Amino acid sequence: MGCLILVVYGAQRLWERLDARLRRPFLLLTIVLLAAGCLKTIARNQDWSSREALLRSGLKTLPHNAKMHYNFGNFLRDSSRPEPAIAHYQEALRLWPTYASAHNNIGTLMPQFATAEYHFREAIKYASEHINAHYNLGQLYRKSNRTSDAIRMLERCIQLEPLFTAAYLELVKLYGGQPAAAGRLLARVVRLNPYNADLRRQYGDWLMEQSTCKLFIPVRSVPHPPRSLVICSSRSTAVDPIFIDGIFSSFSLCCVLWCGWDMIDCITTRPKQPIPSRSWLAPSLAFFCVFFVFFRFGF
């Protein structure tokens, strides 16, 4: 705004000082400049019409810029066009051989194990804290049944970024023969993402697969209804309390509709609480819970 004010003020002062014979050419020149600026703006707006148009425009302006080829390769990869994406990643690496992110992204598109491993290792070589390169290499090793290498890479991911949820979930798959370790990882993931219902459901499914859970309903007065269902583990190892929103969707919906409660609580160390006789709702819900679990899971 300040620049425009200065331009207008300067044009006005210049107009006042111009000789009468020069005012007409000056006015024509100003009109030509304004028209040229408008046409350039219209043409530039076409470049901003889409992500592809903008990237193509930048690539046309800077054809020897590695980041331009990298960004356009990302667009092509997101558009499910792997072959041209690989070509642009390769061009980016030709212009910038130590470009770690380009090595990582081209590795995700390579079908051959050796080629993909090479690019992931190059990315780690040039950027030792590249989280995605470690994660992708860990996934590659997991798919190739190189479990120890995969665990090493994924654990390195967690060291670099303790909040990297995907690495925890991949490690859970690799800890299939170590249920205690897998359980600790899932519990930590849920603590890191307390409002992610999918992760809570996954942890609940894991607990059910271990056959370590039994159900009972603690009765709370209606003014204090923070929990509607408690799942207590019979294992001796303690798991930190977490909240699970979607283990039993039907039962959860019933509790929400009837009680106004909105959470399912998974607690492994809380002792059982008796059901007072003064409440008619708690026995009904307890009966429904036991019936539902027996019918659904067969225990």
C-alpha atoms as a PDB file:
ATOM      1  CA  MET A   1       0.000   0.000   0.000  1.00  0.00           C
ATOM      2  CA  GLY A   2       2.783   2.440   0.879  1.00  0.00           C
ATOM      3  CA  CYS A   3       4.537   1.705  -2.408  1.00  0.00           C
ATOM      4  CA  LEU A   4       1.368   2.443  -4.378  1.00  0.00           C
ATOM      5  CA  ILE A   5       0.875   5.724  -2.532  1.00  0.00           C
ATOM      6  CA  LEU A   6       4.440   6.773  -3.342  1.00  0.00           C
ATOM      7  CA  VAL A   7       4.033   5.833  -7.021  1.00  0.00           C
ATOM      8  CA  VAL A   8       0.797   7.794  -7.341  1.00  0.00           C
ATOM      9  CA  TYR A   9       2.252  10.775  -5.500  1.00  0.00           C
ATOM     10  CA  GLY A  10       5.369  10.739  -7.668  1.00  0.00           C
ATOM     11  CA  ALA A  11       3.303  10.502 -10.854  1.00  0.00           C
ATOM     12  CA  GLN A  12       1.211  13.455  -9.738  1.00  0.00           C
ATOM     13  CA  ARG A  13       4.283  15.599  -9.003  1.00  0.00           C
ATOM     14  CA  LEU A  14       5.827  14.627 -12.332  1.00  0.00           C
ATOM     15  CA  TRP A  15       2.599  15.463 -14.149  1.00  0.00           C
ATOM     16  CA  GLU A  16       2.498  18.911 -12.557  1.00  0.00           C
ATOM     17  CA  ARG A  17       6.088  19.686 -13.567  1.00  0.00           C
ATOM     18  CA  LEU A  18       5.824  18.403 -17.129  1.00  0.00           C
ATOM     19  CA  ASP A  19       5.572  20.799 -19.986  1.00  0.00           C
ATOM     20  CA  ALA A  20       2.186  20.829 -21.704  1.00  0.00           C
ATOM     21  CA  ARG A  21       3.719  19.348 -24.878  1.00  0.00           C
ATOM     22  CA  LEU A  22       5.035  16.320 -22.973  1.00  0.00           C
ATOM     23  CA  ARG A  23       1.916  15.508 -21.054  1.00  0.00           C
ATOM     24  CA  ARG A  24       0.202  13.668 -23.902  1.00  0.00           C
ATOM     25  CA  PRO A  25       3.167  11.317 -24.639  1.00  0.00           C
ATOM     26  CA  PHE A  26       3.533  10.737 -20.904  1.00  0.00           C
ATOM     27  CA  LEU A  27      -0.142   9.804 -20.623  1.00  0.00           C
ATOM     28  CA  LEU A  28       0.121   7.392 -23.572  1.00  0.00           C
ATOM     29  CA  LEU A  29       3.218   5.790 -22.080  1.00  0.00           C
ATOM     30  CA  THR A  30       1.434   5.333 -18.755  1.00  0.00           C
ATOM     31  CA  ILE A  31      -1.544   3.692 -20.462  1.00  0.00           C
ATOM     32  CA  VAL A  32       0.757   1.323 -22.367  1.00  0.00           C
ATOM     33  CA  LEU A  33       2.560   0.328 -19.173  1.00  0.00           C
ATOM     34  CA  LEU A  34      -0.718  -0.297 -17.346  1.00  0.00           C
ATOM     35  CA  ALA A  35      -2.035  -2.404 -20.233  1.00  0.00           C
ATOM     36  CA  ALA A  36       1.175  -4.437 -20.347  1.00  0.00           C
ATOM     37  CA  GLY A  37       0.985  -5.022 -16.603  1.00  0.00           C
ATOM     38  CA  CYS A  38      -2.631  -6.189 -16.860  1.00  0.00           C
ATOM     39  CA  LEU A  39      -1.802  -8.604 -19.686  1.00  0.00           C
ATOM     40  CA  LYS A  40       1.139 -10.011 -17.744  1.00  0.00           C
ATOM     41  CA  THR A  41      -1.076 -10.484 -14.682  1.00  0.00           C
ATOM     42  CA  ILE A  42      -3.687 -12.331 -16.744  1.00  0.00           C
ATOM     43  CA  ALA A  43      -1.019 -14.588 -18.229  1.00  0.00           C
ATOM     44  CA  ARG A  44       0.493 -15.256 -14.811  1.00  0.00           C
ATOM     45  CA  ASN A  45      -2.904 -16.138 -13.382  1.00  0.00           C
ATOM     46  CA  GLN A  46      -2.990 -19.067 -15.788  1.00  0.00           C
ATOM     47  CA  ASP A  47       0.157 -20.401 -14.136  1.00  0.00           C
ATOM     48  CA  TRP A  48      -1.577 -20.289 -10.763  1.00  0.00           C
ATOM     49  CA  SER A  49      -4.685 -22.083 -11.994  1.00  0.00           C
ATOM     50  CA  SER A  50      -3.470 -25.466 -10.686  1.00  0.00           C
ATOM     51  CA  ARG A  51      -0.564 -27.082  -8.924  1.00  0.00           C
ATOM     52  CA  GLU A  52       0.634 -28.723 -12.125  1.00  0.00           C
ATOM     53  CA  ALA A  53       0.506 -25.456 -14.091  1.00  0.00           C
ATOM     54  CA  LEU A  54       2.480 -23.642 -11.394  1.00  0.00           C
ATOM     55  CA  LEU A  55       5.144 -26.358 -11.228  1.00  0.00           C
ATOM     56  CA  ARG A  56       5.449 -26.525 -15.005  1.00  0.00           C
ATOM     57  CA  SER A  57       5.858 -22.765 -15.120  1.00  0.00           C
ATOM     58  CA  GLY A  58       8.624 -22.879 -12.524  1.00  0.00           C
ATOM     59  CA  LEU A  59      10.314 -25.753 -14.351  1.00  0.00           C
ATOM     60  CA  LYS A  60      10.164 -23.782 -17.596  1.00  0.00           C
ATOM     61  CA  THR A  61      11.698 -20.744 -15.911  1.00  0.00           C
ATOM     62  CA  LEU A  62      14.389 -22.709 -14.020  1.00  0.00           C
ATOM     63  CA  PRO A  63      15.043 -25.907 -15.995  1.00  0.00           C
ATOM     64  CA  HIS A  64      18.396 -26.486 -14.269  1.00  0.00           C
ATOM     65  CA  ASN A  65      17.078 -26.207 -10.724  1.00  0.00           C
ATOM     66  CA  ALA A  66      17.136 -29.527  -8.840  1.00  0.00           C
ATOM     67  CA  LYS A  67      14.365 -28.520  -6.453  1.00  0.00           C
ATOM     68  CA  MET A  68      12.049 -27.704  -9.347  1.00  0.00           C
ATOM     69  CA  HIS A  69      12.502 -31.205 -10.753  1.00  0.00           C
ATOM     70  CA  TYR A  70      12.081 -32.654  -7.261  1.00  0.00           C
ATOM     71  CA  ASN A  71       8.831 -30.769  -6.643  1.00  0.00           C
ATOM     72  CA  PHE A  72       7.449 -31.753 -10.036  1.00  0.00           C
ATOM     73  CA  GLY A  73       8.449 -35.356  -9.345  1.00  0.00           C
ATOM     74  CA  ASN A  74       6.486 -35.195  -6.087  1.00  0.00           C
ATOM     75  CA  PHE A  75       3.442 -33.985  -7.982  1.00  0.00           C
ATOM     76  CA  LEU A  76       3.730 -36.787 -10.530  1.00  0.00           C
ATOM     77  CA  ARG A  77       4.134 -39.354  -7.751  1.00  0.00           C
ATOM     78  CA  ASP A  78       1.051 -38.017  -5.965  1.00  0.00           C
ATOM     79  CA  SER A  79      -0.797 -38.239  -9.294  1.00  0.00           C
ATOM     80  CA  SER A  80       0.078 -41.962  -9.643  1.00  0.00           C
ATOM     81  CA  ARG A  81       2.458 -41.365 -12.556  1.00  0.00           C
ATOM     82  CA  PRO A  82       5.579 -43.138 -11.321  1.00  0.00           C
ATOM     83  CA  GLU A  83       7.602 -43.331 -14.536  1.00  0.00           C
ATOM     84  CA  PRO A  84       7.779 -39.574 -15.283  1.00  0.00           C
ATOM     85  CA  ALA A  85       8.238 -38.969 -11.556  1.00  0.00           C
ATOM     86  CA  ILE A  86      11.318 -41.211 -11.560  1.00  0.00           C
ATOM     87  CA  ALA A  87      12.675 -39.309 -14.569  1.00  0.00           C
ATOM     88  CA  HIS A  88      12.396 -35.976 -12.759  1.00  0.00           C
ATOM     89  CA  TYR A  89      13.898 -37.389  -9.561  1.00  0.00           C
ATOM     90  CA  GLN A  90      16.811 -38.698 -11.596  1.00  0.00           C
ATOM     91  CA  GLU A  91      17.270 -35.285 -13.198  1.00  0.00           C
ATOM     92  CA  ALA A  92      17.221 -33.685  -9.747  1.00  0.00           C
ATOM     93  CA  LEU A  93      19.929 -36.116  -8.607  1.00  0.00           C
ATOM     94  CA  ARG A  94      21.973 -35.413 -11.719  1.00  0.00           C
ATOM     95  CA  LEU A  95      21.903 -31.713 -10.877  1.00  0.00           C
ATOM     96  CA  TRP A  96      22.351 -32.310  -7.127  1.00  0.00           C
ATOM     97  CA  PRO A  97      23.845 -35.768  -6.411  1.00  0.00           C
ATOM     98  CA  THR A  98      23.677 -35.363  -2.614  1.00  0.00           C
ATOM     99  CA  TYR A  99      19.979 -34.441  -2.542  1.00  0.00           C
ATOM    100  CA  ALA A 100      18.817 -36.771   0.260  1.00  0.00           C
ATOM    101  CA  SER A 101      15.060 -36.237  -0.142  1.00  0.00           C
ATOM    102  CA  ALA A 102      15.252 -37.003  -3.861  1.00  0.00           C
ATOM    103  CA  HIS A 103      17.090 -40.255  -3.075  1.00  0.00           C
ATOM    104  CA  ASN A 104      14.417 -41.157  -0.534  1.00  0.00           C
ATOM    105  CA  ASN A 105      11.467 -40.417  -2.809  1.00  0.00           C
ATOM    106  CA  ILE A 106      12.887 -42.192  -5.835  1.00  0.00           C
ATOM    107  CA  GLY A 107      13.563 -45.189  -3.607  1.00  0.00           C
ATOM    108  CA  THR A 108       9.855 -45.478  -2.817  1.00  0.00           C
ATOM    109  CA  LEU A 109       9.127 -45.857  -6.547  1.00  0.00           C
ATOM    110  CA  MET A 110      11.789 -48.441  -7.358  1.00  0.00           C
ATOM    111  CA  PRO A 111      10.418 -51.985  -7.738  1.00  0.00           C
ATOM    112  CA  GLN A 112      13.839 -53.636  -7.430  1.00  0.00           C
ATOM    113  CA  PHE A 113      15.023 -54.270  -3.890  1.00  0.00           C
ATOM    114  CA  ALA A 114      18.680 -53.473  -4.589  1.00  0.00           C
ATOM    115  CA  THR A 115      17.925 -50.162  -6.303  1.00  0.00           C
ATOM    116  CA  ALA A 116      15.500 -49.040  -3.619  1.00  0.00           C
ATOM    117  CA  GLU A 117      17.945 -50.010  -0.852  1.00  0.00           C
ATOM    118  CA  TYR A 118      20.722 -48.093  -2.600  1.00  0.00           C
ATOM    119  CA  HIS A 119      18.719 -44.876  -2.755  1.00  0.00           C
ATOM    120  CA  PHE A 120      17.526 -45.144   0.845  1.00  0.00           C
ATOM    121  CA  ARG A 121      21.079 -45.722   2.008  1.00  0.00           C
ATOM    122  CA  GLU A 122      22.279 -42.769  -0.052  1.00  0.00           C
ATOM    123  CA  ALA A 123      19.631 -40.591   1.582  1.00  0.00           C
ATOM    124  CA  ILE A 124      20.826 -41.695   5.029  1.00  0.00           C
ATOM    125  CA  LYS A 125      24.431 -41.189   3.958  1.00  0.00           C
ATOM    126  CA  TYR A 126      23.859 -37.558   3.011  1.00  0.00           C
ATOM    127  CA  ALA A 127      21.316 -36.833   5.760  1.00  0.00           C
ATOM    128  CA  SER A 128      21.956 -39.093   8.748  1.00  0.00           C
ATOM    129  CA  GLU A 129      18.807 -37.879  10.533  1.00  0.00           C
ATOM    130  CA  HIS A 130      16.447 -38.323   7.591  1.00  0.00           C
ATOM    131  CA  ILE A 131      13.518 -39.972   9.373  1.00  0.00           C
ATOM    132  CA  ASN A 132      11.558 -41.040   6.299  1.00  0.00           C
ATOM    133  CA  ALA A 133      14.611 -42.689   4.733  1.00  0.00           C
ATOM    134  CA  HIS A 134      15.135 -44.812   7.861  1.00  0.00           C
ATOM    135  CA  TYR A 135      11.440 -45.654   7.971  1.00  0.00           C
ATOM    136  CA  ASN A 136      11.231 -46.587   4.282  1.00  0.00           C
ATOM    137  CA  LEU A 137      14.361 -48.702   4.528  1.00  0.00           C
ATOM    138  CA  GLY A 138      12.900 -50.438   7.570  1.00  0.00           C
ATOM    139  CA  GLN A 139       9.727 -51.194   5.644  1.00  0.00           C
ATOM    140  CA  LEU A 140      11.792 -52.524   2.751  1.00  0.00           C
ATOM    141  CA  TYR A 141      13.693 -54.851   5.070  1.00  0.00           C
ATOM    142  CA  ARG A 142      10.473 -56.000   6.732  1.00  0.00           C
ATOM    143  CA  LYS A 143       8.948 -56.940   3.376  1.00  0.00           C
ATOM    144  CA  SER A 144      12.154 -58.811   2.535  1.00  0.00           C
ATOM    145  CA  ASN A 145      12.040 -60.757   5.836  1.00  0.00           C
ATOM    146  CA  ARG A 146      15.204 -59.086   7.123  1.00  0.00           C
ATOM    147  CA  THR A 147      13.670 -58.635  10.536  1.00  0.00           C
ATOM    148  CA  SER A 148      16.740 -57.625  12.524  1.00  0.00           C
ATOM    149  CA  ASP A 149      17.695 -54.928  10.003  1.00  0.00           C
ATOM    150  CA  ALA A 150      14.120 -53.678   9.894  1.00  0.00           C
ATOM    151  CA  ILE A 151      13.942 -53.422  13.691  1.00  0.00           C
ATOM    152  CA  ARG A 152      17.229 -51.551  13.764  1.00  0.00           C
ATOM    153  CA  MET A 153      16.031 -48.980  11.228  1.00  0.00           C
ATOM    154  CA  LEU A 154      12.653 -48.474  12.862  1.00  0.00           C
ATOM    155  CA  GLU A 155      14.170 -48.104  16.308  1.00  0.00           C
ATOM    156  CA  ARG A 156      16.471 -45.486  14.825  1.00  0.00           C
ATOM    157  CA  CYS A 157      13.352 -43.681  13.551  1.00  0.00           C
ATOM    158  CA  ILE A 158      11.954 -43.563  17.060  1.00  0.00           C
ATOM    159  CA  GLN A 159      15.263 -42.280  18.400  1.00  0.00           C
ATOM    160  CA  LEU A 160      15.176 -39.453  15.861  1.00  0.00           C
ATOM    161  CA  GLU A 161      11.478 -38.706  16.315  1.00  0.00           C
ATOM    162  CA  PRO A 162       9.830 -40.181  19.435  1.00  0.00           C
ATOM    163  CA  LEU A 163       6.386 -39.114  18.166  1.00  0.00           C
ATOM    164  CA  PHE A 164       6.661 -40.986  14.835  1.00  0.00           C
ATOM    165  CA  THR A 165       3.591 -43.209  15.161  1.00  0.00           C
ATOM    166  CA  ALA A 166       4.092 -45.157  11.917  1.00  0.00           C
ATOM    167  CA  ALA A 167       7.431 -46.525  13.122  1.00  0.00           C
ATOM    168  CA  TYR A 168       5.810 -47.861  16.305  1.00  0.00           C
ATOM    169  CA  LEU A 169       3.120 -49.645  14.293  1.00  0.00           C
ATOM    170  CA  GLU A 170       5.693 -51.241  11.996  1.00  0.00           C
ATOM    171  CA  LEU A 171       7.658 -52.427  15.015  1.00  0.00           C
ATOM    172  CA  VAL A 172       4.502 -53.986  16.446  1.00  0.00           C
ATOM    173  CA  LYS A 173       4.266 -56.139  13.303  1.00  0.00           C
ATOM    174  CA  LEU A 174       7.864 -57.234  13.791  1.00  0.00           C
ATOM    175  CA  TYR A 175       7.356 -58.028  17.481  1.00  0.00           C
ATOM    176  CA  GLY A 176       4.725 -60.665  16.749  1.00  0.00           C
ATOM    177  CA  GLY A 177       6.633 -63.248  18.763  1.00  0.00           C
ATOM    178  CA  GLN A 178       7.120 -60.849  21.664  1.00  0.00           C
ATOM    179  CA  PRO A 179       3.635 -59.925  22.878  1.00  0.00           C
ATOM    180  CA  ALA A 180       4.899 -57.999  25.895  1.00  0.00           C
ATOM    181  CA  ALA A 181       7.069 -55.732  23.736  1.00  0.00           C
ATOM    182  CA  ALA A 182       4.280 -55.283  21.198  1.00  0.00           C
ATOM    183  CA  GLY A 183       1.854 -54.376  23.966  1.00  0.00           C
ATOM    184  CA  ARG A 184       4.209 -51.757  25.366  1.00  0.00           C
ATOM    185  CA  LEU A 185       4.596 -50.207  21.926  1.00  0.00           C
ATOM    186  CA  LEU A 186       0.849 -50.087  21.322  1.00  0.00           C
ATOM    187  CA  ALA A 187       0.254 -48.578  24.745  1.00  0.00           C
ATOM    188  CA  ARG A 188       2.828 -45.899  24.028  1.00  0.00           C
ATOM    189  CA  VAL A 189       1.297 -45.148  20.625  1.00  0.00           C
ATOM    190  CA  VAL A 190      -2.085 -44.638  22.235  1.00  0.00           C
ATOM    191  CA  ARG A 191      -0.578 -42.332  24.841  1.00  0.00           C
ATOM    192  CA  LEU A 192       1.027 -40.311  22.060  1.00  0.00           C
ATOM    193  CA  ASN A 193      -2.279 -40.116  20.165  1.00  0.00           C
ATOM    194  CA  PRO A 194      -4.952 -39.993  22.882  1.00  0.00           C
ATOM    195  CA  TYR A 195      -7.733 -38.925  20.508  1.00  0.00           C
ATOM    196  CA  ASN A 196      -7.090 -41.428  17.708  1.00  0.00           C
ATOM    197  CA  ALA A 197      -9.926 -43.964  17.840  1.00  0.00           C
ATOM    198  CA  ASP A 198      -8.326 -46.276  15.256  1.00  0.00           C
ATOM    199  CA  LEU A 199      -5.195 -46.712  17.351  1.00  0.00           C
ATOM    200  CA  ARG A 200      -7.275 -47.363  20.459  1.00  0.00           C
ATOM    201  CA  ARG A 201      -9.316 -49.948  18.629  1.00  0.00           C
ATOM    202  CA  GLN A 202      -6.141 -51.599  17.369  1.00  0.00           C
ATOM    203  CA  TYR A 203      -4.788 -51.799  20.908  1.00  0.00           C
ATOM    204  CA  GLY A 204      -8.102 -53.192  22.105  1.00  0.00           C
ATOM    205  CA  ASP A 205      -8.021 -55.825  19.364  1.00  0.00           C
ATOM    206  CA  TRP A 206      -4.509 -56.774  20.431  1.00  0.00           C
ATOM    207  CA  LEU A 207      -5.628 -57.153  24.046  1.00  0.00           C
ATOM    208  CA  MET A 208      -8.512 -59.363  22.965  1.00  0.00           C
ATOM    209  CA  GLU A 209      -6.173 -61.491  20.835  1.00  0.00           C
ATOM    210  CA  GLN A 210      -4.041 -62.088  23.905  1.00  0.00           C
ATOM    211  CA  SER A 211      -7.141 -63.392  25.727  1.00  0.00           C
ATOM    212  CA  THR A 212      -6.237 -61.267  28.722  1.00  0.00           C
ATOM    213  CA  CYS A 213      -9.359 -59.190  29.144  1.00  0.00           C
ATOM    214  CA  LYS A 214     -12.577 -59.572  31.074  1.00  0.00           C
ATOM    215  CA  LEU A 215     -15.419 -57.123  31.379  1.00  0.00           C
ATOM    216  CA  PHE A 216     -17.261 -55.538  34.241  1.00  0.00           C
ATOM    217  CA  ILE A 217     -19.126 -52.292  34.668  1.00  0.00           C
ATOM    218  CA  PRO A 218     -18.350 -49.866  37.473  1.00  0.00           C
ATOM    219  CA  VAL A 219     -21.383 -47.929  38.549  1.00  0.00           C
ATOM    220  CA  ARG A 220     -20.992 -44.197  38.931  1.00  0.00           C
ATOM    221  CA  SER A 221     -23.655 -41.717  39.808  1.00  0.00           C
ATOM    222  CA  VAL A 222     -25.050 -39.823  36.864  1.00  0.00           C
ATOM    223  CA  PRO A 223     -23.495 -36.465  37.923  1.00  0.00           C
ATOM    224  CA  HIS A 224     -20.052 -38.138  37.680  1.00  0.00           C
ATOM    225  CA  PRO A 225     -20.030 -40.408  34.585  1.00  0.00           C
ATOM    226  CA  PRO A 226     -16.452 -40.349  33.301  1.00  0.00           C
ATOM    227  CA  ARG A 227     -16.425 -44.067  32.440  1.00  0.00           C
ATOM    228  CA  SER A 228     -18.972 -46.486  31.106  1.00  0.00           C
ATOM    229  CA  LEU A 229     -17.033 -49.699  30.622  1.00  0.00           C
ATOM    230  CA  VAL A 230     -13.862 -50.963  32.259  1.00  0.00           C
ATOM    231  CA  ILE A 231     -11.767 -53.675  30.686  1.00  0.00           C
ATOM    232  CA  CYS A 232      -9.433 -55.152  33.287  1.00  0.00           C
ATOM    233  CA  SER A 233      -6.456 -57.229  32.229  1.00  0.00           C
ATOM    234  CA  SER A 234      -5.715 -60.377  34.184  1.00  0.00           C
ATOM    235  CA  ARG A 235      -2.027 -60.120  33.249  1.00  0.00           C
ATOM    236  CA  SER A 236       0.424 -59.366  36.023  1.00  0.00           C
ATOM    237  CA  THR A 237       2.201 -56.757  33.910  1.00  0.00           C
ATOM    238  CA  ALA A 238       0.650 -53.342  34.207  1.00  0.00           C
ATOM    239  CA  VAL A 239      -0.396 -51.270  31.227  1.00  0.00           C
ATOM    240  CA  ASP A 240      -0.982 -47.574  31.710  1.00  0.00           C
ATOM    241  CA  PRO A 241      -4.623 -46.453  31.690  1.00  0.00           C
ATOM    242  CA  ILE A 242      -5.850 -45.309  28.297  1.00  0.00           C
ATOM    243  CA  PHE A 243      -9.167 -44.410  26.762  1.00  0.00           C
ATOM    244  CA  ILE A 244     -10.602 -46.487  23.945  1.00  0.00           C
ATOM    245  CA  ASP A 245     -13.543 -45.128  21.961  1.00  0.00           C
ATOM    246  CA  GLY A 246     -14.269 -47.901  19.529  1.00  0.00           C
ATOM    247  CA  ILE A 247     -13.640 -51.409  20.866  1.00  0.00           C
ATOM    248  CA  PHE A 248     -17.306 -52.313  21.080  1.00  0.00           C
ATOM    249  CA  SER A 249     -19.069 -49.805  18.851  1.00  0.00           C
ATOM    250  CA  SER A 250     -22.558 -51.133  19.508  1.00  0.00           C
ATOM    251  CA  PHE A 251     -22.106 -51.193  23.250  1.00  0.00           C
ATOM    252  CA  SER A 252     -20.486 -47.756  23.213  1.00  0.00           C
ATOM    253  CA  LEU A 253     -23.415 -46.329  21.280  1.00  0.00           C
ATOM    254  CA  CYS A 254     -25.830 -47.898  23.749  1.00  0.00           C
ATOM    255  CA  CYS A 255     -23.978 -46.344  26.679  1.00  0.00           C
ATOM    256  CA  VAL A 256     -23.946 -42.941  25.006  1.00  0.00           C
ATOM    257  CA  LEU A 257     -27.642 -43.038  24.219  1.00  0.00           C
ATOM    258  CA  TRP A 258     -28.765 -44.381  27.608  1.00  0.00           C
ATOM    259  CA  CYS A 259     -26.272 -42.916  30.018  1.00  0.00           C
ATOM    260  CA  GLY A 260     -24.806 -39.906  28.291  1.00  0.00           C
ATOM    261  CA  TRP A 261     -21.354 -41.366  28.808  1.00  0.00           C
ATOM    262  CA  ASP A 262     -18.865 -40.967  25.976  1.00  0.00           C
ATOM    263  CA  MET A 263     -15.805 -43.036  26.777  1.00  0.00           C
ATOM    264  CA  ILE A 264     -14.718 -46.634  27.101  1.00  0.00           C
ATOM    265  CA  ASP A 265     -11.882 -46.940  29.562  1.00  0.00           C
ATOM    266  CA  CYS A 266      -9.232 -49.656  29.403  1.00  0.00           C
ATOM    267  CA  ILE A 267      -7.570 -49.961  32.802  1.00  0.00           C
ATOM    268  CA  THR A 268      -5.387 -52.860  33.833  1.00  0.00           C
ATOM    269  CA  THR A 269      -4.700 -52.085  37.456  1.00  0.00           C
ATOM    270  CA  ARG A 270      -8.044 -50.793  38.801  1.00  0.00           C
ATOM    271  CA  PRO A 271      -9.754 -53.295  41.147  1.00  0.00           C
ATOM    272  CA  LYS A 272     -13.260 -54.450  40.481  1.00  0.00           C
ATOM    273  CA  GLN A 273     -15.964 -52.265  41.946  1.00  0.00           C
ATOM    274  CA  PRO A 274     -19.247 -53.709  43.251  1.00  0.00           C
ATOM    275  CA  ILE A 275     -22.544 -52.804  41.661  1.00  0.00           C
ATOM    276  CA  PRO A 276     -24.857 -51.148  44.213  1.00  0.00           C
ATOM    277  CA  SER A 277     -28.367 -52.486  44.407  1.00  0.00           C
ATOM    278  CA  ARG A 278     -29.828 -49.007  44.318  1.00  0.00           C
ATOM    279  CA  SER A 279     -29.165 -48.696  40.580  1.00  0.00           C
ATOM    280  CA  TRP A 280     -31.410 -50.465  38.071  1.00  0.00           C
ATOM    281  CA  LEU A 281     -29.411 -49.329  35.059  1.00  0.00           C
ATOM    282  CA  ALA A 282     -26.069 -50.868  35.994  1.00  0.00           C
ATOM    283  CA  PRO A 283     -27.297 -54.498  36.194  1.00  0.00           C
ATOM    284  CA  SER A 284     -29.061 -54.052  32.866  1.00  0.00           C
ATOM    285  CA  LEU A 285     -25.928 -52.775  31.204  1.00  0.00           C
ATOM    286  CA  ALA A 286     -23.837 -55.494  32.840  1.00  0.00           C
ATOM    287  CA  PHE A 287     -26.176 -58.165  31.498  1.00  0.00           C
ATOM    288  CA  PHE A 288     -26.121 -56.597  28.037  1.00  0.00           C
ATOM    289  CA  CYS A 289     -22.332 -56.359  28.105  1.00  0.00           C
ATOM    290  CA  VAL A 290     -21.819 -60.000  29.089  1.00  0.00           C
ATOM    291  CA  PHE A 291     -24.381 -61.177  26.555  1.00  0.00           C
ATOM    292  CA  PHE A 292     -22.828 -59.091  23.769  1.00  0.00           C
ATOM    293  CA  VAL A 293     -19.277 -60.258  24.459  1.00  0.00           C
ATOM    294  CA  PHE A 294     -20.323 -63.902  24.730  1.00  0.00           C
ATOM    295  CA  PHE A 295     -22.293 -63.683  21.497  1.00  0.00           C
ATOM    296  CA  ARG A 296     -19.611 -61.721  19.644  1.00  0.00           C
ATOM    297  CA  PHE A 297     -16.373 -63.314  20.841  1.00  0.00           C
ATOM    298  CA  GLY A 298     -17.499 -66.654  22.228  1.00  0.00           C
ATOM    299  CA  PHE A 299     -16.287 -66.282  25.818  1.00  0.00           C
END
